[in-house]
């Protein structure tokens, strides 16, 4: 089976030895993704906006692999504040209300930088 890596050009891809997503056959794994916190639309204290930003960006990555959000079968959501559940759930539901992938919601002590409140990993399987 052919392996296809999706790279974003981030300097961390070479430093850490990873890529944004990998597709092998009908399975796609998307690395943990954080928001692009810009201070205007996506603020460091807004878990809902961060989650929406992540979902919008990953949707584009999946499109590069000829896959859509409807092919997502699992999400893993990591947060630095479990009290953000309602805000994160609202954003997650805006993409997945009808798809309903399995998911996990985990509080962790910190992410790679303090402005990140949410990080999400995705698994997709293409059945068509």
N, C-alpha and C. Protein backbone atom coordinates (compact mmCIF):
# COMPACT_ATOMS: atom_id res chain seq x y z
N UNK A 1 0.84 -1.19 0.00
CA UNK A 1 0.00 0.00 0.00
C UNK A 1 0.87 1.24 0.00
N UNK A 2 0.39 2.22 -0.71
CA UNK A 2 1.11 3.50 -0.79
C UNK A 2 0.89 4.32 0.47
N UNK A 3 1.94 4.99 0.90
CA UNK A 3 1.87 5.90 2.06
C UNK A 3 1.94 7.32 1.53
N UNK A 4 1.03 8.16 2.01
CA UNK A 4 1.04 9.57 1.62
C UNK A 4 1.13 10.41 2.89
N UNK A 5 2.17 11.23 2.98
CA UNK A 5 2.35 12.14 4.10
C UNK A 5 1.89 13.53 3.69
N UNK A 6 1.20 14.20 4.57
CA UNK A 6 0.81 15.60 4.36
C UNK A 6 1.69 16.45 5.27
N UNK A 7 2.47 17.31 4.68
CA UNK A 7 3.35 18.22 5.41
C UNK A 7 2.81 19.64 5.30
N UNK A 8 3.03 20.43 6.35
CA UNK A 8 2.53 21.81 6.34
C UNK A 8 3.63 22.83 6.13
N UNK A 9 4.89 22.39 6.22
CA UNK A 9 6.00 23.33 6.11
C UNK A 9 6.47 23.84 7.46
N UNK A 10 5.87 23.37 8.52
CA UNK A 10 6.29 23.78 9.86
C UNK A 10 7.72 23.32 10.11
N UNK A 11 8.55 24.16 10.73
CA UNK A 11 9.92 23.74 11.03
C UNK A 11 9.96 22.56 12.00
N UNK A 12 8.89 22.38 12.77
CA UNK A 12 8.85 21.27 13.72
C UNK A 12 8.73 19.92 13.04
N UNK A 13 8.26 19.90 11.80
CA UNK A 13 8.12 18.62 11.10
C UNK A 13 9.48 17.93 10.97
N UNK A 14 10.51 18.69 10.62
CA UNK A 14 11.85 18.09 10.52
C UNK A 14 12.50 17.96 11.89
N UNK A 15 12.32 18.96 12.75
CA UNK A 15 12.94 18.91 14.08
C UNK A 15 12.45 17.71 14.88
N UNK A 16 11.15 17.43 14.78
CA UNK A 16 10.56 16.36 15.58
C UNK A 16 10.41 15.07 14.78
N UNK A 17 10.40 15.18 13.45
CA UNK A 17 10.23 14.00 12.61
C UNK A 17 8.79 13.54 12.56
N UNK A 18 7.89 14.44 12.18
CA UNK A 18 6.47 14.09 12.08
C UNK A 18 5.85 14.82 10.90
N UNK A 19 4.62 14.48 10.58
CA UNK A 19 3.86 15.21 9.56
C UNK A 19 2.44 15.42 10.08
N UNK A 20 1.70 16.30 9.43
CA UNK A 20 0.34 16.64 9.87
C UNK A 20 -0.58 15.43 9.78
N UNK A 21 -0.46 14.66 8.68
CA UNK A 21 -1.34 13.51 8.50
C UNK A 21 -0.64 12.45 7.66
N UNK A 22 -1.06 11.22 7.86
CA UNK A 22 -0.57 10.09 7.07
C UNK A 22 -1.78 9.30 6.60
N UNK A 23 -1.72 8.95 5.31
CA UNK A 23 -2.75 8.05 4.76
C UNK A 23 -2.05 6.82 4.21
N UNK A 24 -2.50 5.66 4.68
CA UNK A 24 -2.07 4.37 4.14
C UNK A 24 -3.33 3.60 3.82
N UNK A 25 -3.53 3.34 2.54
CA UNK A 25 -4.76 2.66 2.13
C UNK A 25 -5.96 3.51 2.47
N UNK A 26 -6.88 2.94 3.22
CA UNK A 26 -8.11 3.67 3.55
C UNK A 26 -8.08 4.28 4.96
N UNK A 27 -6.91 4.23 5.61
CA UNK A 27 -6.79 4.75 6.98
C UNK A 27 -6.00 6.05 6.97
N UNK A 28 -6.54 7.05 7.68
CA UNK A 28 -5.89 8.35 7.80
C UNK A 28 -5.76 8.68 9.27
N UNK A 29 -4.55 9.04 9.69
CA UNK A 29 -4.31 9.51 11.05
C UNK A 29 -3.83 10.95 10.95
N UNK A 30 -4.44 11.83 11.75
CA UNK A 30 -4.05 13.24 11.77
C UNK A 30 -3.42 13.52 13.13
N UNK A 31 -2.22 14.09 13.09
CA UNK A 31 -1.49 14.41 14.32
C UNK A 31 -2.29 15.36 15.20
N UNK A 32 -1.91 15.40 16.47
CA UNK A 32 -2.51 16.36 17.38
C UNK A 32 -2.39 17.76 16.79
N UNK A 33 -3.50 18.47 16.75
CA UNK A 33 -3.56 19.78 16.11
C UNK A 33 -4.05 20.80 17.12
N UNK A 34 -3.34 21.92 17.19
CA UNK A 34 -3.76 23.04 18.04
C UNK A 34 -4.21 24.18 17.14
N UNK A 35 -4.83 25.16 17.74
CA UNK A 35 -5.34 26.32 17.00
C UNK A 35 -4.20 27.26 16.62
N UNK A 36 -4.47 28.08 15.64
CA UNK A 36 -3.61 29.22 15.35
C UNK A 36 -4.20 30.39 16.13
N UNK A 37 -3.59 30.69 17.25
CA UNK A 37 -4.09 31.74 18.14
C UNK A 37 -3.60 33.08 17.60
N UNK A 38 -4.54 33.90 17.14
CA UNK A 38 -4.18 35.17 16.52
C UNK A 38 -4.49 36.39 17.38
N UNK A 39 -5.13 36.18 18.51
CA UNK A 39 -5.42 37.30 19.40
C UNK A 39 -6.66 38.09 19.03
N UNK A 40 -7.21 37.84 17.85
CA UNK A 40 -8.41 38.55 17.41
C UNK A 40 -9.58 37.58 17.33
N UNK A 41 -9.57 36.73 16.30
CA UNK A 41 -10.64 35.75 16.14
C UNK A 41 -10.47 34.58 17.11
N UNK A 42 -9.23 34.13 17.28
CA UNK A 42 -8.94 32.99 18.15
C UNK A 42 -8.04 33.48 19.27
N UNK A 43 -8.62 33.57 20.44
CA UNK A 43 -7.89 34.10 21.60
C UNK A 43 -7.38 32.96 22.48
N UNK A 44 -6.38 33.29 23.26
CA UNK A 44 -5.76 32.30 24.14
C UNK A 44 -6.68 31.86 25.28
N UNK A 45 -7.80 32.54 25.48
CA UNK A 45 -8.72 32.15 26.55
C UNK A 45 -10.07 31.65 26.02
N UNK A 46 -10.13 31.31 24.73
CA UNK A 46 -11.40 30.93 24.10
C UNK A 46 -11.32 29.51 23.54
N UNK A 47 -11.71 28.54 24.36
CA UNK A 47 -11.62 27.12 23.97
C UNK A 47 -12.53 26.80 22.80
N UNK A 48 -13.70 27.45 22.72
CA UNK A 48 -14.60 27.17 21.61
C UNK A 48 -14.01 27.65 20.29
N UNK A 49 -13.47 28.85 20.25
CA UNK A 49 -12.85 29.37 19.03
C UNK A 49 -11.63 28.54 18.64
N UNK A 50 -10.85 28.12 19.63
CA UNK A 50 -9.70 27.27 19.32
C UNK A 50 -10.14 25.95 18.71
N UNK A 51 -11.19 25.36 19.26
CA UNK A 51 -11.69 24.09 18.73
C UNK A 51 -12.20 24.25 17.31
N UNK A 52 -12.95 25.29 17.05
CA UNK A 52 -13.44 25.55 15.68
C UNK A 52 -12.28 25.74 14.71
N UNK A 53 -11.25 26.47 15.12
CA UNK A 53 -10.08 26.69 14.27
C UNK A 53 -9.41 25.37 13.94
N UNK A 54 -9.27 24.51 14.93
CA UNK A 54 -8.67 23.19 14.71
C UNK A 54 -9.50 22.39 13.71
N UNK A 55 -10.80 22.34 13.92
CA UNK A 55 -11.68 21.56 13.05
C UNK A 55 -11.67 22.09 11.62
N UNK A 56 -11.66 23.40 11.45
CA UNK A 56 -11.60 23.99 10.10
C UNK A 56 -10.29 23.64 9.41
N UNK A 57 -9.20 23.70 10.14
CA UNK A 57 -7.89 23.40 9.55
C UNK A 57 -7.75 21.93 9.18
N UNK A 58 -8.24 21.05 10.05
CA UNK A 58 -8.15 19.62 9.77
C UNK A 58 -9.06 19.24 8.61
N UNK A 59 -10.19 19.90 8.50
CA UNK A 59 -11.07 19.64 7.36
C UNK A 59 -10.32 19.86 6.05
N UNK A 60 -9.49 20.90 5.99
CA UNK A 60 -8.70 21.19 4.79
C UNK A 60 -7.63 20.13 4.56
N UNK A 61 -7.00 19.66 5.63
CA UNK A 61 -5.99 18.60 5.51
C UNK A 61 -6.64 17.34 4.95
N UNK A 62 -7.80 16.99 5.46
CA UNK A 62 -8.49 15.79 4.97
C UNK A 62 -8.86 15.94 3.49
N UNK A 63 -9.28 17.14 3.10
CA UNK A 63 -9.61 17.37 1.69
C UNK A 63 -8.41 17.13 0.79
N UNK A 64 -7.20 17.45 1.27
CA UNK A 64 -5.98 17.18 0.49
C UNK A 64 -5.78 15.70 0.25
N UNK A 65 -6.38 14.88 1.11
CA UNK A 65 -6.28 13.42 0.99
C UNK A 65 -7.52 12.81 0.36
N UNK A 66 -8.37 13.67 -0.22
CA UNK A 66 -9.63 13.23 -0.84
C UNK A 66 -10.54 12.54 0.17
N UNK A 67 -10.59 13.08 1.37
CA UNK A 67 -11.38 12.56 2.47
C UNK A 67 -12.19 13.72 3.04
N UNK A 68 -13.27 13.42 3.74
CA UNK A 68 -14.04 14.50 4.36
C UNK A 68 -14.24 14.20 5.84
N UNK A 69 -14.82 15.15 6.53
CA UNK A 69 -15.09 14.97 7.95
C UNK A 69 -16.04 13.80 8.19
N UNK A 70 -16.87 13.46 7.21
CA UNK A 70 -17.79 12.34 7.39
C UNK A 70 -17.06 11.01 7.51
N UNK A 71 -15.78 10.98 7.12
CA UNK A 71 -14.98 9.77 7.21
C UNK A 71 -14.27 9.63 8.57
N UNK A 72 -14.37 10.66 9.41
CA UNK A 72 -13.74 10.61 10.73
C UNK A 72 -14.50 9.64 11.62
N UNK A 73 -13.76 8.69 12.19
CA UNK A 73 -14.39 7.70 13.07
C UNK A 73 -14.01 7.91 14.53
N UNK A 74 -12.98 8.73 14.78
CA UNK A 74 -12.55 8.95 16.16
C UNK A 74 -11.86 10.29 16.29
N UNK A 75 -12.16 10.98 17.40
CA UNK A 75 -11.40 12.16 17.79
C UNK A 75 -10.93 11.96 19.22
N UNK A 76 -9.77 12.52 19.51
CA UNK A 76 -9.23 12.52 20.87
C UNK A 76 -8.97 13.97 21.21
N UNK A 77 -9.67 14.47 22.21
CA UNK A 77 -9.59 15.88 22.56
C UNK A 77 -8.84 16.02 23.88
N UNK A 78 -7.79 16.82 23.86
CA UNK A 78 -7.00 17.09 25.05
C UNK A 78 -7.18 18.55 25.42
N UNK A 79 -7.41 18.82 26.69
CA UNK A 79 -7.59 20.19 27.15
C UNK A 79 -6.82 20.41 28.44
N UNK A 80 -6.44 21.64 28.67
CA UNK A 80 -5.78 21.98 29.92
C UNK A 80 -6.78 22.38 31.00
N UNK A 81 -8.07 22.40 30.64
CA UNK A 81 -9.11 22.78 31.61
C UNK A 81 -10.39 22.01 31.31
N UNK A 82 -10.67 21.01 32.11
CA UNK A 82 -11.86 20.17 31.89
C UNK A 82 -13.15 21.00 31.93
N UNK A 83 -13.11 22.16 32.56
CA UNK A 83 -14.29 23.03 32.62
C UNK A 83 -14.63 23.64 31.27
N UNK A 84 -13.75 23.47 30.29
CA UNK A 84 -14.04 23.96 28.93
C UNK A 84 -14.91 22.98 28.15
N UNK A 85 -15.35 21.90 28.78
CA UNK A 85 -16.09 20.85 28.08
C UNK A 85 -17.25 21.40 27.25
N UNK A 86 -18.11 22.22 27.83
CA UNK A 86 -19.30 22.72 27.11
C UNK A 86 -18.90 23.49 25.85
N UNK A 87 -17.91 24.36 25.97
CA UNK A 87 -17.47 25.17 24.83
C UNK A 87 -16.87 24.30 23.73
N UNK A 88 -16.03 23.35 24.13
CA UNK A 88 -15.40 22.44 23.16
C UNK A 88 -16.46 21.54 22.53
N UNK A 89 -17.37 21.02 23.34
CA UNK A 89 -18.43 20.14 22.83
C UNK A 89 -19.30 20.86 21.80
N UNK A 90 -19.61 22.12 22.06
CA UNK A 90 -20.44 22.89 21.12
C UNK A 90 -19.74 23.02 19.77
N UNK A 91 -18.46 23.33 19.79
CA UNK A 91 -17.70 23.45 18.54
C UNK A 91 -17.59 22.08 17.84
N UNK A 92 -17.27 21.04 18.60
CA UNK A 92 -17.13 19.69 18.04
C UNK A 92 -18.44 19.27 17.39
N UNK A 93 -19.54 19.54 18.05
CA UNK A 93 -20.86 19.17 17.53
C UNK A 93 -21.19 19.90 16.24
N UNK A 94 -20.68 21.12 16.08
CA UNK A 94 -20.98 21.87 14.86
C UNK A 94 -20.44 21.18 13.62
N UNK A 95 -19.43 20.33 13.78
CA UNK A 95 -18.89 19.56 12.66
C UNK A 95 -19.40 18.13 12.66
N UNK A 96 -19.64 17.56 13.84
CA UNK A 96 -19.86 16.13 13.94
C UNK A 96 -21.23 15.71 14.49
N UNK A 97 -22.18 16.63 14.59
CA UNK A 97 -23.48 16.31 15.18
C UNK A 97 -24.14 15.11 14.50
N UNK A 98 -24.08 15.05 13.18
CA UNK A 98 -24.72 13.95 12.46
C UNK A 98 -23.77 12.78 12.19
N UNK A 99 -22.47 13.03 12.25
CA UNK A 99 -21.48 11.99 11.96
C UNK A 99 -21.24 11.12 13.19
N UNK A 100 -21.10 11.76 14.33
CA UNK A 100 -20.93 11.10 15.62
C UNK A 100 -19.75 10.10 15.67
N UNK A 101 -18.51 10.59 15.50
CA UNK A 101 -17.37 9.68 15.70
C UNK A 101 -17.23 9.35 17.18
N UNK A 102 -16.53 8.27 17.49
CA UNK A 102 -16.21 8.03 18.89
C UNK A 102 -15.25 9.14 19.32
N UNK A 103 -15.23 9.45 20.59
CA UNK A 103 -14.33 10.51 21.05
C UNK A 103 -13.93 10.28 22.50
N UNK A 104 -12.86 10.93 22.86
CA UNK A 104 -12.43 10.97 24.25
C UNK A 104 -12.12 12.41 24.58
N UNK A 105 -12.34 12.81 25.82
CA UNK A 105 -12.09 14.18 26.25
C UNK A 105 -11.23 14.09 27.50
N UNK A 106 -10.00 14.58 27.42
CA UNK A 106 -9.02 14.35 28.47
C UNK A 106 -8.43 15.67 28.96
N UNK A 107 -8.37 15.83 30.28
CA UNK A 107 -7.66 16.98 30.84
C UNK A 107 -6.21 16.57 31.07
N UNK A 108 -5.31 17.43 30.61
CA UNK A 108 -3.88 17.20 30.80
C UNK A 108 -3.28 18.44 31.47
N UNK A 109 -2.10 18.32 32.02
CA UNK A 109 -1.53 19.44 32.78
C UNK A 109 -1.14 20.62 31.89
N UNK A 110 -0.63 20.36 30.70
CA UNK A 110 -0.32 21.46 29.79
C UNK A 110 -0.09 20.93 28.38
N UNK A 111 -0.20 21.85 27.43
CA UNK A 111 0.13 21.56 26.04
C UNK A 111 1.46 22.23 25.73
N UNK A 112 1.88 22.22 24.49
CA UNK A 112 3.21 22.68 24.12
C UNK A 112 3.46 24.17 24.40
N UNK A 113 2.42 24.98 24.47
CA UNK A 113 2.55 26.40 24.80
C UNK A 113 1.33 26.81 25.62
N UNK A 114 1.48 27.79 26.52
CA UNK A 114 0.38 28.13 27.43
C UNK A 114 -0.86 28.71 26.75
N UNK A 115 -0.73 29.26 25.54
CA UNK A 115 -1.91 29.83 24.87
C UNK A 115 -2.83 28.76 24.29
N UNK A 116 -2.37 27.52 24.22
CA UNK A 116 -3.19 26.45 23.68
C UNK A 116 -4.03 25.81 24.78
N UNK A 117 -5.34 25.80 24.58
CA UNK A 117 -6.26 25.20 25.53
C UNK A 117 -6.73 23.83 25.07
N UNK A 118 -6.64 23.57 23.76
CA UNK A 118 -7.22 22.36 23.16
C UNK A 118 -6.26 21.82 22.11
N UNK A 119 -6.14 20.51 22.07
CA UNK A 119 -5.44 19.81 20.99
C UNK A 119 -6.29 18.60 20.63
N UNK A 120 -6.42 18.34 19.33
CA UNK A 120 -7.28 17.22 18.89
C UNK A 120 -6.52 16.35 17.89
N UNK A 121 -6.65 15.03 18.06
CA UNK A 121 -6.16 14.04 17.10
C UNK A 121 -7.37 13.44 16.40
N UNK A 122 -7.18 13.00 15.16
CA UNK A 122 -8.29 12.46 14.36
C UNK A 122 -7.87 11.15 13.70
N UNK A 123 -8.82 10.24 13.59
CA UNK A 123 -8.66 9.02 12.79
C UNK A 123 -9.83 8.98 11.81
N UNK A 124 -9.51 8.74 10.55
CA UNK A 124 -10.55 8.62 9.53
C UNK A 124 -10.33 7.32 8.76
N UNK A 125 -11.43 6.74 8.31
CA UNK A 125 -11.39 5.54 7.48
C UNK A 125 -12.31 5.76 6.31
N UNK A 126 -11.76 5.58 5.12
CA UNK A 126 -12.55 5.75 3.90
C UNK A 126 -13.16 4.41 3.54
N UNK A 127 -14.49 4.39 3.42
CA UNK A 127 -15.16 3.13 3.12
C UNK A 127 -15.70 3.07 1.70
N UNK A 128 -15.65 4.17 1.00
CA UNK A 128 -16.20 4.20 -0.36
C UNK A 128 -15.10 4.14 -1.39
